[in-house]
Every structure is written in C-alpha cells, then in structure tokens.
C-alpha cells in the first residue's frame, strides 16, 4: 500500500467511525464533495490544512493518518502518553519505574518479550 492509499483508507475509516457521510465531511472541512471523493479514492492527497481539519472533526491524532495499523497508537496508548506528558520530571521518573517493574511480573506479560527502554 503506497502513502496515497494509506491516507485514503485512513480518511475513510475516520469519517465512517465519526458517523459522517462523504458530503458531510467535505462541507465541514470546507471543500467540494469532488475533492473528498478524490482523497478517498487515493487520487489526491488533501492539503495539510484540510487533513488537520479532518483530524479535528474525526477526533484522530494527525499522525494517525500517516501510520499503518501496526504503528498507530490505540486509545489507551494515547491516554498514557498524554498522562506522561502532563507529569513533572519526578512523576515521569516514577511512571517509568512503575512500567519497568510491571513488565517483570509474569501475569501481566503479553508474551515472553521484554521492551527495552533507553534513558
């Protein structure tokens, strides 16, 4: 999948998840239905301003439109990142220590792999 197809599929997914029709999204972004159709068919890429508007309207992080599903952050990961960013240095250190300890507890491990965090 090339980058045009990726962005097209993300716009479609975001629009549908937000419960919007193509013409509704186009109107909210301030573009023609033809433009929205070209985006969703991978024929054109929206201007950055339009993509920012789509992200806001659909409540998706802008970076989500550029990352494959395997790279995209899910809702819980975004929440954790927001919490981390709102902590002071001491709080961030405490959170990192907690996460490092948590991954050592077998019942919480997803698999036998261990994340490596460089500080």
Protein backbone atom coordinates (compact mmCIF):
# COMPACT_ATOMS: atom_id res chain seq x y z
CA UNK A 1 0.00 0.00 0.00
CA UNK A 2 1.50 3.34 -1.02
CA UNK A 3 1.15 6.52 1.01
CA UNK A 4 -1.81 7.81 -1.08
CA UNK A 5 -3.72 4.59 -0.47
CA UNK A 6 -2.83 4.67 3.23
CA UNK A 7 -4.08 8.22 3.72
CA UNK A 8 -7.20 7.46 1.64
CA UNK A 9 -8.04 4.43 3.79
CA UNK A 10 -7.46 6.42 6.98
CA UNK A 11 -9.75 9.24 5.84
CA UNK A 12 -12.49 6.72 5.02
CA UNK A 13 -12.08 4.92 8.36
CA UNK A 14 -12.04 8.17 10.35
CA UNK A 15 -15.09 9.52 8.52
CA UNK A 16 -17.11 6.33 8.95
CA UNK A 17 -16.15 5.95 12.60
CA UNK A 18 -17.29 9.53 13.17
CA UNK A 19 -20.62 8.62 11.55
CA UNK A 20 -20.23 11.09 8.70
CA UNK A 21 -21.13 10.82 5.05
CA UNK A 22 -18.59 11.96 2.50
CA UNK A 23 -20.56 15.10 1.63
CA UNK A 24 -20.94 15.99 5.33
CA UNK A 25 -17.21 15.75 5.92
CA UNK A 26 -16.48 17.77 2.78
CA UNK A 27 -18.81 20.55 3.97
CA UNK A 28 -17.26 20.58 7.46
CA UNK A 29 -13.74 20.77 6.01
CA UNK A 30 -14.82 23.46 3.54
CA UNK A 31 -14.06 21.60 0.32
CA UNK A 32 -16.11 20.19 -2.53
CA UNK A 33 -17.50 16.67 -2.48
CA UNK A 34 -15.34 16.05 -5.56
CA UNK A 35 -12.20 16.82 -3.52
CA UNK A 36 -13.28 14.50 -0.72
CA UNK A 37 -14.02 11.79 -3.28
CA UNK A 38 -10.58 12.20 -4.87
CA UNK A 39 -8.96 11.88 -1.43
CA UNK A 40 -10.88 8.75 -0.55
CA UNK A 41 -10.07 7.16 -3.90
CA UNK A 42 -6.35 7.87 -3.45
CA UNK A 43 -6.26 10.17 -6.50
CA UNK A 44 -5.23 13.24 -4.50
CA UNK A 45 -3.83 13.93 -1.06
CA UNK A 46 -5.52 16.67 0.95
CA UNK A 47 -3.62 19.84 1.76
CA UNK A 48 -2.22 19.82 5.28
CA UNK A 49 -4.86 22.33 6.45
CA UNK A 50 -7.62 20.01 5.23
CA UNK A 51 -6.05 16.97 6.86
CA UNK A 52 -5.72 18.87 10.15
CA UNK A 53 -9.42 19.77 9.88
CA UNK A 54 -10.32 16.12 9.20
CA UNK A 55 -8.27 15.04 12.23
CA UNK A 56 -10.05 17.55 14.48
CA UNK A 57 -13.50 16.72 13.13
CA UNK A 58 -12.98 12.97 13.50
CA UNK A 59 -11.07 13.30 16.80
CA UNK A 60 -7.99 11.49 15.47
CA UNK A 61 -4.37 12.48 16.07
CA UNK A 62 -2.86 13.87 12.87
CA UNK A 63 -0.04 11.31 12.96
CA UNK A 64 -2.64 8.51 12.80
CA UNK A 65 -3.31 9.36 9.14
CA UNK A 66 0.33 8.64 8.27
CA UNK A 67 0.90 5.41 10.15
CA UNK A 68 -0.05 1.86 9.29
CA UNK A 69 -2.32 -0.01 11.68
CA UNK A 70 0.65 -1.81 13.19
CA UNK A 71 2.26 1.56 14.03
CA UNK A 72 -0.83 3.52 15.05
CA UNK A 73 -1.43 4.23 18.70
CA UNK A 74 -4.66 2.96 20.16
CA UNK A 75 -6.85 4.95 22.56
CA UNK A 76 -5.19 3.58 25.69
CA UNK A 77 -1.69 4.31 24.39
CA UNK A 78 -2.68 7.88 23.53
CA UNK A 79 -4.11 8.29 27.04
CA UNK A 80 -0.90 7.01 28.65
CA UNK A 81 1.19 9.35 26.50
CA UNK A 82 -1.00 12.34 27.46
CA UNK A 83 -0.72 11.47 31.15
CA UNK A 84 3.05 11.09 30.87
CA UNK A 85 3.42 14.45 29.12
CA UNK A 86 1.45 16.17 31.90
CA UNK A 87 3.72 14.90 34.68
CA UNK A 88 6.67 16.75 36.11
CA UNK A 89 10.15 15.19 35.95
CA UNK A 90 9.70 13.33 39.24
CA UNK A 91 6.32 11.99 38.15
CA UNK A 92 7.73 10.85 34.80
CA UNK A 93 10.58 9.02 36.54
CA UNK A 94 8.11 7.34 38.90
CA UNK A 95 5.87 6.27 35.99
CA UNK A 96 8.84 4.84 34.06
CA UNK A 97 9.99 2.93 37.14
CA UNK A 98 6.48 1.54 37.63
CA UNK A 99 6.27 0.41 33.99
CA UNK A 100 9.70 -1.23 34.16
CA UNK A 101 8.64 -3.14 37.28
CA UNK A 102 5.25 -4.04 35.81
CA UNK A 103 6.77 -5.74 32.79
CA UNK A 104 8.73 -8.06 35.10
CA UNK A 105 5.53 -9.55 36.54
CA UNK A 106 4.73 -12.67 34.53
CA UNK A 107 0.94 -12.44 34.80
CA UNK A 108 0.99 -9.02 33.07
CA UNK A 109 3.22 -10.04 30.18
CA UNK A 110 1.63 -10.34 26.76
CA UNK A 111 4.39 -12.66 25.60
CA UNK A 112 7.91 -13.60 26.58
CA UNK A 113 9.40 -10.49 25.01
CA UNK A 114 10.55 -7.55 27.07
CA UNK A 115 10.52 -3.93 25.99
CA UNK A 116 13.86 -2.20 26.12
CA UNK A 117 13.75 1.45 27.10
CA UNK A 118 16.87 3.53 26.74
CA UNK A 119 17.12 6.52 29.01
